[in-house]
Amino acid sequence: MPVLPYLQEITADNFEAAVGLRVRPDQEHLVAPVVKSLAEAYVHPGVAWPRLICAHGEAVGFLMAFFSIDWTGDGTDLRSGLWRLNIADGQQGRGYGRFAVEAVAAEIRRRGGTRLTTTWHPGEDGPSGFYSNLGFRPTGETSGDQTVGVLELD
């Protein structure tokens, strides 16, 4: 019987597991390391929602979500979504990424939201296929050098 993944808050007890999590070496240029995400969460309290993705009693990934941020800076475009997604080297292809997106979608719905926004690096080595397979569509916007995508939550 498959083991279902679950989320854990980052605490003193699992901090080392969180910062020790590494994506595949060929993916390191696509996503910030967990330690940077945790630093960003610290300086953006109440905005960042960092969580470990666990299965079999171990950390298999990390996600960080955001809720109702002022995307444009003028108060007219509040968005919620997936800020970071790191699935550990050796743990990919097991459904943990899909689980992470579904968990963030559920939290957005719980908070009254109807759309999940994320960004990704375009190109053959980027995760555009992963996000496309989950139903995300590019908005035509960019954030830095990243594609902005949205998933409508029905």
C-alpha atoms as a PDB file:
ATOM      1  CA  MET A   1       0.000   0.000   0.000  1.00  0.00           C
ATOM      2  CA  PRO A   2       1.502   3.390  -0.986  1.00  0.00           C
ATOM      3  CA  VAL A   3       2.457   5.819   1.737  1.00  0.00           C
ATOM      4  CA  LEU A   4       0.623   9.131   1.470  1.00  0.00           C
ATOM      5  CA  PRO A   5       2.769  12.246   1.681  1.00  0.00           C
ATOM      6  CA  TYR A   6       1.983  14.910   4.256  1.00  0.00           C
ATOM      7  CA  LEU A   7       3.116  18.431   5.125  1.00  0.00           C
ATOM      8  CA  GLN A   8       5.016  19.503   8.228  1.00  0.00           C
ATOM      9  CA  GLU A   9       5.706  22.983   9.525  1.00  0.00           C
ATOM     10  CA  ILE A  10       9.403  23.821   9.721  1.00  0.00           C
ATOM     11  CA  THR A  11      10.535  23.589  13.355  1.00  0.00           C
ATOM     12  CA  ALA A  12      13.786  23.294  15.268  1.00  0.00           C
ATOM     13  CA  ASP A  13      13.294  19.524  15.132  1.00  0.00           C
ATOM     14  CA  ASN A  14      13.206  19.289  11.328  1.00  0.00           C
ATOM     15  CA  PHE A  15      15.236  22.362  10.344  1.00  0.00           C
ATOM     16  CA  GLU A  16      18.367  20.357   9.469  1.00  0.00           C
ATOM     17  CA  ALA A  17      16.349  17.976   7.291  1.00  0.00           C
ATOM     18  CA  ALA A  18      14.819  20.987   5.528  1.00  0.00           C
ATOM     19  CA  VAL A  19      18.089  22.791   4.783  1.00  0.00           C
ATOM     20  CA  GLY A  20      19.773  19.519   3.842  1.00  0.00           C
ATOM     21  CA  LEU A  21      17.242  18.835   1.100  1.00  0.00           C
ATOM     22  CA  ARG A  22      18.795  19.048  -2.389  1.00  0.00           C
ATOM     23  CA  VAL A  23      17.294  18.860  -5.866  1.00  0.00           C
ATOM     24  CA  ARG A  24      19.143  17.071  -8.659  1.00  0.00           C
ATOM     25  CA  PRO A  25      22.414  18.818  -9.552  1.00  0.00           C
ATOM     26  CA  ASP A  26      21.118  19.641 -13.050  1.00  0.00           C
ATOM     27  CA  GLN A  27      18.137  21.452 -11.462  1.00  0.00           C
ATOM     28  CA  GLU A  28      20.000  23.642  -8.985  1.00  0.00           C
ATOM     29  CA  HIS A  29      19.887  26.635 -11.344  1.00  0.00           C
ATOM     30  CA  LEU A  30      16.071  26.362 -11.542  1.00  0.00           C
ATOM     31  CA  VAL A  31      15.113  26.814  -7.890  1.00  0.00           C
ATOM     32  CA  ALA A  32      16.598  28.507  -4.836  1.00  0.00           C
ATOM     33  CA  PRO A  33      17.929  26.302  -2.057  1.00  0.00           C
ATOM     34  CA  VAL A  34      15.673  25.705   0.924  1.00  0.00           C
ATOM     35  CA  VAL A  35      17.883  27.785   3.218  1.00  0.00           C
ATOM     36  CA  LYS A  36      17.239  30.864   1.030  1.00  0.00           C
ATOM     37  CA  SER A  37      13.515  30.174   1.089  1.00  0.00           C
ATOM     38  CA  LEU A  38      13.540  29.946   4.872  1.00  0.00           C
ATOM     39  CA  ALA A  39      15.430  33.242   5.087  1.00  0.00           C
ATOM     40  CA  GLU A  40      12.798  34.827   2.839  1.00  0.00           C
ATOM     41  CA  ALA A  41      10.054  33.351   5.006  1.00  0.00           C
ATOM     42  CA  TYR A  42      11.704  34.914   8.048  1.00  0.00           C
ATOM     43  CA  VAL A  43      11.796  38.390   6.494  1.00  0.00           C
ATOM     44  CA  HIS A  44       8.244  38.054   5.105  1.00  0.00           C
ATOM     45  CA  PRO A  45       6.344  36.814   8.183  1.00  0.00           C
ATOM     46  CA  GLY A  46       2.674  36.214   7.589  1.00  0.00           C
ATOM     47  CA  VAL A  47       3.206  36.034   3.810  1.00  0.00           C
ATOM     48  CA  ALA A  48       5.416  32.996   3.307  1.00  0.00           C
ATOM     49  CA  TRP A  49       4.066  29.552   4.193  1.00  0.00           C
ATOM     50  CA  PRO A  50       7.026  27.119   4.210  1.00  0.00           C
ATOM     51  CA  ARG A  51       6.377  23.386   4.630  1.00  0.00           C
ATOM     52  CA  LEU A  52       8.309  20.144   4.398  1.00  0.00           C
ATOM     53  CA  ILE A  53       6.822  17.437   2.219  1.00  0.00           C
ATOM     54  CA  CYS A  54       7.283  14.161   4.067  1.00  0.00           C
ATOM     55  CA  ALA A  55       6.735  10.494   3.323  1.00  0.00           C
ATOM     56  CA  HIS A  56       8.000   7.351   5.008  1.00  0.00           C
ATOM     57  CA  GLY A  57       8.963   9.516   8.009  1.00  0.00           C
ATOM     58  CA  GLU A  58      11.489  11.556   6.011  1.00  0.00           C
ATOM     59  CA  ALA A  59      11.648  14.856   4.145  1.00  0.00           C
ATOM     60  CA  VAL A  60      11.173  14.292   0.411  1.00  0.00           C
ATOM     61  CA  GLY A  61      10.560  17.878  -0.607  1.00  0.00           C
ATOM     62  CA  PHE A  62       9.880  21.456   0.349  1.00  0.00           C
ATOM     63  CA  LEU A  63       7.278  23.975  -0.692  1.00  0.00           C
ATOM     64  CA  MET A  64       6.677  27.579   0.133  1.00  0.00           C
ATOM     65  CA  ALA A  65       3.366  29.225  -0.653  1.00  0.00           C
ATOM     66  CA  PHE A  66       2.106  32.787  -0.395  1.00  0.00           C
ATOM     67  CA  PHE A  67      -1.367  34.153   0.211  1.00  0.00           C
ATOM     68  CA  SER A  68      -2.970  37.406  -0.908  1.00  0.00           C
ATOM     69  CA  ILE A  69       0.211  39.259  -1.834  1.00  0.00           C
ATOM     70  CA  ASP A  70       0.054  42.544  -3.711  1.00  0.00           C
ATOM     71  CA  TRP A  71       1.493  41.316  -7.020  1.00  0.00           C
ATOM     72  CA  THR A  72       1.712  44.694  -8.772  1.00  0.00           C
ATOM     73  CA  GLY A  73       2.386  46.864  -5.738  1.00  0.00           C
ATOM     74  CA  ASP A  74      -0.640  49.070  -6.231  1.00  0.00           C
ATOM     75  CA  GLY A  75      -3.224  47.023  -4.300  1.00  0.00           C
ATOM     76  CA  THR A  76      -5.237  46.027  -7.379  1.00  0.00           C
ATOM     77  CA  ASP A  77      -3.912  42.503  -7.955  1.00  0.00           C
ATOM     78  CA  LEU A  78      -3.823  40.226  -4.911  1.00  0.00           C
ATOM     79  CA  ARG A  79      -2.527  36.730  -5.662  1.00  0.00           C
ATOM     80  CA  SER A  80      -1.921  33.477  -3.838  1.00  0.00           C
ATOM     81  CA  GLY A  81       0.214  30.614  -4.998  1.00  0.00           C
ATOM     82  CA  LEU A  82       3.300  28.471  -4.984  1.00  0.00           C
ATOM     83  CA  TRP A  83       6.502  30.413  -4.364  1.00  0.00           C
ATOM     84  CA  ARG A  84       8.976  27.500  -4.269  1.00  0.00           C
ATOM     85  CA  LEU A  85       8.902  23.782  -4.917  1.00  0.00           C
ATOM     86  CA  ASN A  86      11.939  21.592  -4.302  1.00  0.00           C
ATOM     87  CA  ILE A  87      11.611  17.828  -4.638  1.00  0.00           C
ATOM     88  CA  ALA A  88      14.669  15.986  -3.389  1.00  0.00           C
ATOM     89  CA  ASP A  89      17.095  14.255  -5.701  1.00  0.00           C
ATOM     90  CA  GLY A  90      16.007  10.626  -5.867  1.00  0.00           C
ATOM     91  CA  GLN A  91      12.413  11.422  -4.848  1.00  0.00           C
ATOM     92  CA  GLN A  92      11.102  12.850  -8.108  1.00  0.00           C
ATOM     93  CA  GLY A  93       8.536  11.034 -10.216  1.00  0.00           C
ATOM     94  CA  ARG A  94       6.675   9.697  -7.172  1.00  0.00           C
ATOM     95  CA  GLY A  95       3.829  12.219  -7.094  1.00  0.00           C
ATOM     96  CA  TYR A  96       5.267  14.493  -4.409  1.00  0.00           C
ATOM     97  CA  GLY A  97       5.257  17.555  -6.682  1.00  0.00           C
ATOM     98  CA  ARG A  98       1.633  16.975  -7.631  1.00  0.00           C
ATOM     99  CA  PHE A  99       0.796  16.479  -3.958  1.00  0.00           C
ATOM    100  CA  ALA A 100       2.497  19.805  -3.126  1.00  0.00           C
ATOM    101  CA  VAL A 101       0.508  21.718  -5.748  1.00  0.00           C
ATOM    102  CA  GLU A 102      -2.731  20.077  -4.592  1.00  0.00           C
ATOM    103  CA  ALA A 103      -1.940  20.922  -0.950  1.00  0.00           C
ATOM    104  CA  VAL A 104      -1.325  24.580  -1.802  1.00  0.00           C
ATOM    105  CA  ALA A 105      -4.519  24.645  -3.902  1.00  0.00           C
ATOM    106  CA  ALA A 106      -6.476  23.248  -0.948  1.00  0.00           C
ATOM    107  CA  GLU A 107      -5.035  25.900   1.384  1.00  0.00           C
ATOM    108  CA  ILE A 108      -5.871  28.677  -1.089  1.00  0.00           C
ATOM    109  CA  ARG A 109      -9.439  27.365  -1.363  1.00  0.00           C
ATOM    110  CA  ARG A 110      -9.664  27.158   2.438  1.00  0.00           C
ATOM    111  CA  ARG A 111      -8.720  30.850   2.566  1.00  0.00           C
ATOM    112  CA  GLY A 112     -11.379  31.730  -0.027  1.00  0.00           C
ATOM    113  CA  GLY A 113      -9.122  31.936  -3.098  1.00  0.00           C
ATOM    114  CA  THR A 114      -9.957  30.703  -6.592  1.00  0.00           C
ATOM    115  CA  ARG A 115      -6.612  30.887  -8.412  1.00  0.00           C
ATOM    116  CA  LEU A 116      -3.141  29.487  -7.820  1.00  0.00           C
ATOM    117  CA  THR A 117      -0.247  31.464  -9.306  1.00  0.00           C
ATOM    118  CA  THR A 118       3.320  30.240  -9.730  1.00  0.00           C
ATOM    119  CA  THR A 119       6.413  30.968 -11.767  1.00  0.00           C
ATOM    120  CA  TRP A 120       8.893  28.723 -13.522  1.00  0.00           C
ATOM    121  CA  HIS A 121      12.012  28.925 -15.611  1.00  0.00           C
ATOM    122  CA  PRO A 122      11.137  28.432 -19.280  1.00  0.00           C
ATOM    123  CA  GLY A 123      13.115  26.158 -21.555  1.00  0.00           C
ATOM    124  CA  GLU A 124      13.715  22.494 -22.161  1.00  0.00           C
ATOM    125  CA  ASP A 125      15.337  21.900 -18.779  1.00  0.00           C
ATOM    126  CA  GLY A 126      12.648  23.795 -16.843  1.00  0.00           C
ATOM    127  CA  PRO A 127       9.459  22.447 -15.250  1.00  0.00           C
ATOM    128  CA  SER A 128       6.966  23.868 -17.782  1.00  0.00           C
ATOM    129  CA  GLY A 129       5.761  20.357 -18.737  1.00  0.00           C
ATOM    130  CA  PHE A 130       5.131  19.510 -15.082  1.00  0.00           C
ATOM    131  CA  TYR A 131       3.025  22.614 -14.551  1.00  0.00           C
ATOM    132  CA  SER A 132       1.238  22.262 -17.889  1.00  0.00           C
ATOM    133  CA  ASN A 133       0.283  18.661 -17.054  1.00  0.00           C
ATOM    134  CA  LEU A 134      -1.305  19.934 -13.822  1.00  0.00           C
ATOM    135  CA  GLY A 135      -3.438  22.438 -15.734  1.00  0.00           C
ATOM    136  CA  PHE A 136      -1.432  25.634 -15.332  1.00  0.00           C
ATOM    137  CA  ARG A 137      -1.512  28.035 -18.234  1.00  0.00           C
ATOM    138  CA  PRO A 138       1.007  30.799 -18.882  1.00  0.00           C
ATOM    139  CA  THR A 139      -0.499  34.244 -18.334  1.00  0.00           C
ATOM    140  CA  GLY A 140       1.799  35.984 -20.805  1.00  0.00           C
ATOM    141  CA  GLU A 141       3.503  37.756 -17.909  1.00  0.00           C
ATOM    142  CA  THR A 142       7.031  37.267 -16.683  1.00  0.00           C
ATOM    143  CA  SER A 143       8.572  37.777 -13.272  1.00  0.00           C
ATOM    144  CA  GLY A 144      12.231  38.442 -13.872  1.00  0.00           C
ATOM    145  CA  ASP A 145      13.235  35.709 -16.299  1.00  0.00           C
ATOM    146  CA  GLN A 146      10.454  33.359 -15.205  1.00  0.00           C
ATOM    147  CA  THR A 147       7.127  32.515 -16.804  1.00  0.00           C
ATOM    148  CA  VAL A 148       4.052  33.343 -14.707  1.00  0.00           C
ATOM    149  CA  GLY A 149       1.387  30.656 -14.748  1.00  0.00           C
ATOM    150  CA  VAL A 150      -2.042  30.320 -13.236  1.00  0.00           C
ATOM    151  CA  LEU A 151      -4.277  27.418 -12.284  1.00  0.00           C
ATOM    152  CA  GLU A 152      -7.984  28.156 -11.896  1.00  0.00           C
ATOM    153  CA  LEU A 153      -9.348  26.378  -8.809  1.00  0.00           C
ATOM    154  CA  ASP A 154     -12.879  25.147  -9.402  1.00  0.00           C
END
